Amino acid sequence: MSLYSKSRLIFQYESFALEIIFQQIYNDIGRGGKTRMNLNNLDTEQSNPDSLHIDEMSTIDILTTINNEDQKVALAVKDVLPQISDAVDCIYQQMSQGGRLIYIGAGTSGRLGVLDASECPPTYGIDPRLVQGLIAGGNIALTTAIEGAEDSQELAVEDLKNIHLTDKDVVCGIAASGRTPYVIGGLQYARTLGCQTVSICCVHNGEISKYSHYPIEVITGAEVVTGSTRMKAGTAQKLVLNMLSTSVMIKRGKVYKNLMVDVQPTNEKLKIRAVNIVSQSLDCSEEESIALLTKCHYNVKIAILSGLTGKDEKECEEALLKNNGNISKTVKSYL
């Protein structure tokens, strides 16, 4: 599809979606009622008094204001560590039974989910299907805003059906506002199948929390630029997503000490990283590391275990399988 055709398609889609939204708002008002949502009640839509005159500030004062607000994010995440821990244990348990982790979101939230999912295979050597990210509007929404897509619950159901969602999977809905229809639709559908559900939002009593077994509400407060949730809320979501995927992968034996031992040496940089990981794990020279990796067909885990125990490649592979790929547990089994 040409760039012109793609742009025209996006324009037509957004125009149609906006027409529906404005017609619904017009009908609500005409009936003497309120519109479907009141953004003024959302934590993420409040005006920040500390940035009220940011348009008049010097560059360094603008940056200082943003930095001061960003420092609050990690503390907000700290407040919900117990909830994140419960979600991690759930995801790990479901994966142990053959399930997957599916992120679903719209706009910035959707992009963050896709980002976290796409970084898991090169970091931990997993099948790309194990952690997936779905974004309202599809892949084109990664680089082009398709705002109307977030208002369709049916689109979320269709996207989840396309990846053949099962009751073994965990669906994690991400929405800073806690009310995105696309995410709500996805969580509702997941629950009808018997899936475990997780949600991440940045408001108190988020709507998506109602449809989640493991709701995570990180209250980051008013943004520097009112309503710009790609800032503090986006940073909070990124931190939580990092915690979810990283913790699960550590529990799955993808890390030894603090090294990513399931890295796949598919290019020159990753081969050098593999050599360094073996060297650090065994406190050996680069030459010894290369020799071990060559002997073990560049399987980092097996090379490390062989170096630690003196066992051959086949025995190390079998021992790792018995211990779910965890090097530390496997070494202890030899003691």
Protein backbone atom coordinates (compact mmCIF):
# COMPACT_ATOMS: atom_id res chain seq x y z
CA MET A 1 0.00 0.00 0.00
CA SER A 2 1.36 3.42 -0.95
CA LEU A 3 1.95 6.11 1.67
CA TYR A 4 -0.86 8.17 0.11
CA SER A 5 -3.32 5.25 0.25
CA LYS A 6 -2.33 4.46 3.84
CA SER A 7 -2.78 8.07 4.92
CA ARG A 8 -6.16 8.25 3.19
CA LEU A 9 -7.28 5.03 4.91
CA ILE A 10 -6.27 6.38 8.32
CA PHE A 11 -8.06 9.66 7.66
CA GLN A 12 -11.25 7.86 6.62
CA TYR A 13 -11.10 5.57 9.67
CA GLU A 14 -10.55 8.41 12.12
CA SER A 15 -13.23 10.59 10.51
CA PHE A 16 -15.77 7.78 10.75
CA ALA A 17 -14.86 7.04 14.39
CA LEU A 18 -15.05 10.70 15.39
CA GLU A 19 -18.40 11.09 13.66
CA ILE A 20 -19.82 8.23 15.75
CA ILE A 21 -18.36 9.61 18.98
CA PHE A 22 -19.64 13.15 18.43
CA GLN A 23 -23.07 11.86 17.42
CA GLN A 24 -23.28 9.86 20.67
CA ILE A 25 -22.26 12.91 22.70
CA TYR A 26 -24.79 15.06 20.84
CA ASN A 27 -27.56 12.51 21.50
CA ASP A 28 -26.69 12.33 25.21
CA ILE A 29 -26.79 16.09 25.58
CA GLY A 30 -30.01 16.31 23.56
CA ARG A 31 -31.67 13.94 26.01
CA GLY A 32 -30.72 16.25 28.83
CA GLY A 33 -28.14 13.81 30.15
CA LYS A 34 -24.41 13.86 30.59
CA THR A 35 -21.87 12.69 28.10
CA ARG A 36 -20.59 9.12 28.46
CA MET A 37 -17.50 10.11 30.40
CA ASN A 38 -16.37 12.90 32.64
CA LEU A 39 -12.64 13.34 32.25
CA ASN A 40 -12.58 15.99 34.97
CA ASN A 41 -12.92 13.27 37.60
CA LEU A 42 -9.83 11.36 36.48
CA ASP A 43 -6.56 11.75 38.43
CA THR A 44 -4.66 11.92 35.15
CA GLU A 45 -6.74 14.85 33.88
CA GLN A 46 -6.22 17.21 36.82
CA SER A 47 -4.29 20.46 36.44
CA ASN A 48 -0.87 20.45 38.10
CA PRO A 49 -0.35 23.61 40.22
CA ASP A 50 3.43 23.20 40.05
CA SER A 51 3.41 23.58 36.27
CA LEU A 52 0.61 26.10 35.97
CA HIS A 53 2.89 28.74 34.40
CA ILE A 54 5.28 26.40 32.61
CA ASP A 55 4.75 28.28 29.36
CA GLU A 56 6.47 31.29 30.94
CA MET A 57 9.43 29.40 32.40
CA SER A 58 13.03 29.32 31.21
CA THR A 59 14.30 26.12 29.62
CA ILE A 60 16.09 24.98 32.77
CA ASP A 61 13.00 25.65 34.89
CA ILE A 62 10.84 23.65 32.48
CA LEU A 63 13.27 20.74 32.74
CA THR A 64 13.47 21.03 36.52
CA THR A 65 9.69 20.96 36.79
CA ILE A 66 9.45 17.85 34.60
CA ASN A 67 12.25 16.16 36.52
CA ASN A 68 10.65 16.93 39.87
CA GLU A 69 7.42 15.31 38.73
CA ASP A 70 9.22 12.28 37.27
CA GLN A 71 10.85 11.59 40.63
CA LYS A 72 7.42 10.94 42.08
CA VAL A 73 6.76 8.05 39.71
CA ALA A 74 9.05 5.43 41.25
CA LEU A 75 7.56 6.11 44.68
CA ALA A 76 4.05 5.67 43.27
CA VAL A 77 5.09 2.30 41.84
CA LYS A 78 6.62 1.34 45.20
CA ASP A 79 3.19 1.77 46.80
CA VAL A 80 1.74 -1.03 44.65
CA LEU A 81 4.56 -3.59 44.81
CA PRO A 82 2.32 -6.14 46.62
CA GLN A 83 -0.21 -5.98 43.77
CA ILE A 84 2.54 -6.30 41.17
CA SER A 85 3.95 -9.29 43.06
CA ASP A 86 0.58 -11.07 42.98
CA ALA A 87 0.31 -10.43 39.23
CA VAL A 88 3.82 -11.81 38.62
CA ASP A 89 3.03 -15.02 40.53
CA CYS A 90 -0.19 -15.44 38.53
CA ILE A 91 1.56 -14.94 35.17
CA TYR A 92 4.35 -17.34 36.15
CA GLN A 93 1.87 -20.01 37.20
CA GLN A 94 -0.13 -19.70 33.97
CA MET A 95 3.02 -19.81 31.83
CA SER A 96 4.12 -22.93 33.70
CA GLN A 97 0.89 -24.53 32.46
CA GLY A 98 1.47 -23.49 28.85
CA GLY A 99 -0.17 -20.07 28.94
CA ARG A 100 0.93 -16.77 27.43
CA LEU A 101 1.03 -13.16 28.57
CA ILE A 102 -1.01 -10.85 26.35
CA TYR A 103 -0.80 -7.08 26.75
CA ILE A 104 -3.68 -5.05 25.35
CA GLY A 105 -3.98 -1.28 25.19
CA ALA A 106 -4.55 1.79 23.04
CA GLY A 107 -2.36 4.77 22.17
CA THR A 108 0.67 5.23 24.42
CA SER A 109 -0.43 2.36 26.69
CA GLY A 110 -0.73 0.01 23.73
CA ARG A 111 2.67 1.02 22.37
CA LEU A 112 4.30 0.38 25.74
CA GLY A 113 2.76 -3.09 25.86
CA VAL A 114 3.99 -3.90 22.35
CA LEU A 115 7.44 -2.54 23.26
CA ASP A 116 7.77 -4.71 26.36
CA ALA A 117 6.55 -7.81 24.52
CA SER A 118 8.86 -7.26 21.53
CA GLU A 119 11.92 -6.92 23.76
CA CYS A 120 11.43 -10.26 25.53
CA PRO A 121 12.57 -12.60 22.71
CA PRO A 122 16.00 -11.00 22.10
CA THR A 123 16.60 -10.53 25.83
CA TYR A 124 15.47 -13.94 27.08
CA GLY A 125 15.49 -16.15 24.00
CA ILE A 126 11.77 -16.93 24.20
CA ASP A 127 9.26 -17.74 21.49
CA PRO A 128 7.75 -14.41 20.28
CA ARG A 129 4.29 -15.86 20.89
CA LEU A 130 4.88 -16.26 24.65
CA VAL A 131 4.54 -12.53 25.37
CA GLN A 132 2.48 -10.52 22.90
CA GLY A 133 1.28 -6.94 22.67
CA LEU A 134 -1.98 -5.89 21.01
CA ILE A 135 -2.73 -2.25 20.23
CA ALA A 136 -6.05 -0.76 19.16
CA GLY A 137 -5.88 -0.08 15.43
CA GLY A 138 -3.21 -2.70 14.72
CA ASN A 139 0.45 -2.28 13.86
CA ILE A 140 -0.12 0.95 11.96
CA ALA A 141 -1.15 2.53 15.28
CA LEU A 142 2.40 2.07 16.55
CA THR A 143 3.57 5.04 14.50
CA THR A 144 0.33 6.79 13.60
CA ALA A 145 -2.29 7.84 16.13
CA ILE A 146 -5.64 6.16 15.43
CA GLU A 147 -7.53 7.58 18.37
CA GLY A 148 -10.99 6.32 17.41
CA ALA A 149 -9.88 2.68 17.62
CA GLU A 150 -9.74 2.81 21.41
CA ASP A 151 -13.50 3.26 21.63
CA SER A 152 -14.33 -0.16 20.16
CA GLN A 153 -14.80 -3.07 22.54
CA GLU A 154 -15.60 -5.33 19.61
CA LEU A 155 -12.20 -4.63 18.03
CA ALA A 156 -10.47 -5.96 21.14
CA VAL A 157 -12.50 -9.17 21.03
CA GLU A 158 -11.60 -9.62 17.37
CA ASP A 159 -7.90 -9.05 18.08
CA LEU A 160 -7.90 -11.60 20.89
CA LYS A 161 -9.75 -14.16 18.79
CA ASN A 162 -7.13 -13.71 16.07
CA ILE A 163 -4.38 -14.89 18.42
CA HIS A 164 -6.54 -17.83 19.58
CA LEU A 165 -6.80 -16.78 23.22
CA THR A 166 -7.33 -19.68 25.65
CA ASP A 167 -8.10 -20.02 29.35
CA LYS A 168 -4.40 -20.72 30.05
CA ASP A 169 -3.43 -17.20 28.98
CA VAL A 170 -3.17 -14.02 31.06
CA VAL A 171 -4.53 -10.81 29.55
CA CYS A 172 -3.05 -7.60 30.92
CA GLY A 173 -5.07 -4.48 30.11
CA ILE A 174 -3.19 -1.17 30.11
CA ALA A 175 -4.95 2.21 30.22
CA ALA A 176 -3.70 5.31 32.02
CA SER A 177 -7.25 6.64 32.36
CA GLY A 178 -8.57 3.27 33.51
CA ARG A 179 -11.59 3.58 31.22
CA THR A 180 -10.53 2.75 27.64
CA PRO A 181 -13.37 0.76 25.98
CA TYR A 182 -10.94 -1.29 23.85
CA VAL A 183 -9.20 -2.51 27.01
CA ILE A 184 -12.46 -3.12 28.88
CA GLY A 185 -13.78 -5.17 25.96
CA GLY A 186 -10.59 -7.25 25.92
CA LEU A 187 -10.69 -7.95 29.65
CA GLN A 188 -14.37 -8.83 29.59
CA TYR A 189 -13.88 -11.27 26.72
CA ALA A 190 -10.84 -12.83 28.41
CA ARG A 191 -12.87 -13.50 31.55
CA THR A 192 -15.62 -15.24 29.58
CA LEU A 193 -12.98 -17.74 28.47
CA GLY A 194 -11.73 -18.27 32.01
CA CYS A 195 -8.50 -16.31 31.54
CA GLN A 196 -6.70 -14.67 34.43
CA THR A 197 -6.64 -10.89 33.99
CA VAL A 198 -4.32 -8.11 35.11
CA SER A 199 -4.85 -4.37 34.69
CA ILE A 200 -2.60 -1.33 34.95
CA CYS A 201 -4.00 2.18 35.25
CA CYS A 202 -3.05 5.48 36.90
CA VAL A 203 -6.32 6.49 38.55
CA HIS A 204 -8.20 5.53 41.71
CA ASN A 205 -10.96 2.95 41.16
CA GLY A 206 -10.25 2.62 37.46
CA GLU A 207 -13.05 1.14 35.39
CA ILE A 208 -10.72 -1.54 34.04
CA SER A 209 -9.97 -2.65 37.61
CA LYS A 210 -13.51 -4.03 37.81
CA TYR A 211 -12.70 -6.57 35.12
CA SER A 212 -9.30 -7.58 36.49
CA HIS A 213 -8.35 -10.34 38.92
CA TYR A 214 -5.14 -8.44 39.66
CA PRO A 215 -5.71 -4.66 39.39
CA ILE A 216 -2.66 -2.41 39.65
CA GLU A 217 -3.43 1.29 40.16
CA VAL A 218 -0.32 3.49 40.14
CA ILE A 219 -1.45 6.97 41.15
CA THR A 220 1.00 9.34 39.50
CA GLY A 221 -1.19 12.43 39.80
CA ALA A 222 -1.57 15.43 37.52
CA GLU A 223 0.77 15.64 34.54
CA VAL A 224 3.09 18.57 33.82
CA VAL A 225 1.03 19.15 30.68
CA THR A 226 -2.56 18.48 31.69
CA GLY A 227 -3.81 15.15 30.35
CA SER A 228 -0.52 14.24 28.62
CA THR A 229 -0.40 10.71 30.02
CA ARG A 230 2.57 9.74 27.87
CA MET A 231 4.60 11.46 30.59
CA LYS A 232 4.33 10.34 34.25
CA ALA A 233 1.58 7.80 33.64
CA GLY A 234 3.48 6.36 30.68
CA THR A 235 6.68 6.16 32.73
CA ALA A 236 4.82 4.34 35.51
CA GLN A 237 3.32 1.87 33.06
CA LYS A 238 6.75 1.20 31.55
CA LEU A 239 8.19 0.53 35.02
CA VAL A 240 5.40 -1.89 35.91
CA LEU A 241 5.64 -3.71 32.58
CA ASN A 242 9.40 -4.07 33.04
CA MET A 243 8.75 -5.55 36.48
CA LEU A 244 6.13 -8.01 35.24
CA SER A 245 8.10 -9.44 32.33
CA THR A 246 11.52 -9.33 33.99
CA SER A 247 10.34 -10.97 37.22
CA VAL A 248 8.51 -13.71 35.35
CA MET A 249 11.57 -14.43 33.21
CA ILE A 250 13.83 -14.56 36.27
CA LYS A 251 11.43 -17.07 37.87
CA ARG A 252 11.52 -19.09 34.64
CA GLY A 253 15.29 -19.49 34.91
CA LYS A 254 16.21 -16.97 32.21
CA VAL A 255 18.67 -15.23 34.55
CA TYR A 256 21.71 -16.58 36.42
CA LYS A 257 22.97 -14.24 39.15
CA ASN A 258 21.99 -11.07 37.25
CA LEU A 259 22.99 -12.21 33.76
CA MET A 260 20.65 -12.90 30.82
CA VAL A 261 21.83 -16.45 30.20
CA ASP A 262 19.21 -17.34 27.59
CA VAL A 263 20.48 -14.70 25.17
CA GLN A 264 20.64 -16.05 21.64
CA PRO A 265 24.00 -15.15 19.99
CA THR A 266 22.54 -14.39 16.56
CA ASN A 267 24.84 -11.49 15.65
CA GLU A 268 28.33 -10.24 16.45
CA LYS A 269 27.24 -8.07 19.38
CA LEU A 270 25.29 -10.89 21.00
CA LYS A 271 28.15 -13.35 20.48
CA ILE A 272 30.45 -10.97 22.35
CA ARG A 273 27.80 -10.63 25.07
CA ALA A 274 27.59 -14.43 25.32
CA VAL A 275 31.35 -14.66 25.77
CA ASN A 276 31.26 -11.98 28.47
CA ILE A 277 28.37 -13.68 30.30
CA VAL A 278 30.22 -17.00 30.46
CA SER A 279 33.43 -15.25 31.52
CA GLN A 280 31.65 -13.39 34.33
CA SER A 281 29.74 -16.47 35.48
CA LEU A 282 32.84 -18.65 35.69
CA ASP A 283 35.44 -15.97 36.40
CA CYS A 284 37.45 -17.29 33.47
CA SER A 285 39.35 -15.80 30.56
CA GLU A 286 37.80 -14.85 27.24
CA GLU A 287 39.68 -17.70 25.57
CA GLU A 288 38.30 -20.25 28.04
CA SER A 289 34.82 -18.82 27.58
CA ILE A 290 35.00 -19.13 23.79
CA ALA A 291 36.28 -22.70 24.08
CA LEU A 292 33.37 -23.68 26.34
CA LEU A 293 30.80 -21.97 24.11
CA THR A 294 32.21 -23.63 21.01
CA LYS A 295 32.11 -27.03 22.73
CA CYS A 296 28.50 -26.41 23.78
CA HIS A 297 27.35 -25.08 20.39
CA TYR A 298 27.09 -21.55 21.76
CA ASN A 299 24.40 -22.45 24.29
CA VAL A 300 25.25 -20.03 27.10
CA LYS A 301 23.42 -21.91 29.86
CA ILE A 302 24.97 -25.26 29.05
CA ALA A 303 28.43 -23.70 28.74
CA ILE A 304 28.10 -22.13 32.21
CA LEU A 305 26.77 -25.31 33.82
CA SER A 306 29.49 -27.39 32.17
CA GLY A 307 32.11 -24.98 33.46
CA LEU A 308 30.65 -25.06 36.98
CA THR A 309 30.21 -28.83 37.24
CA GLY A 310 32.63 -30.38 34.76
CA LYS A 311 29.75 -32.36 33.22
CA ASP A 312 29.42 -32.87 29.48
CA GLU A 313 26.98 -31.04 27.21
CA LYS A 314 24.32 -33.76 27.11
CA GLU A 315 24.24 -34.28 30.87
CA CYS A 316 24.04 -30.53 31.46
CA GLU A 317 21.15 -30.20 29.03
CA GLU A 318 19.20 -32.99 30.73
CA ALA A 319 19.88 -31.58 34.19
CA LEU A 320 18.66 -28.14 33.15
CA LEU A 321 15.44 -29.63 31.77
CA LYS A 322 14.76 -31.30 35.13
CA ASN A 323 15.20 -27.96 36.91
CA ASN A 324 13.13 -25.78 34.54
CA GLY A 325 16.26 -24.20 33.06
CA ASN A 326 17.37 -22.69 36.38
CA ILE A 327 21.17 -22.85 36.64
CA SER A 328 21.34 -22.15 40.39
CA LYS A 329 18.86 -24.95 41.19
CA THR A 330 20.66 -27.31 38.84
CA VAL A 331 24.04 -26.66 40.47
CA LYS A 332 22.51 -27.30 43.90
CA SER A 333 21.11 -30.61 42.66
CA TYR A 334 24.70 -31.77 42.12
CA LEU A 335 25.75 -30.89 45.68
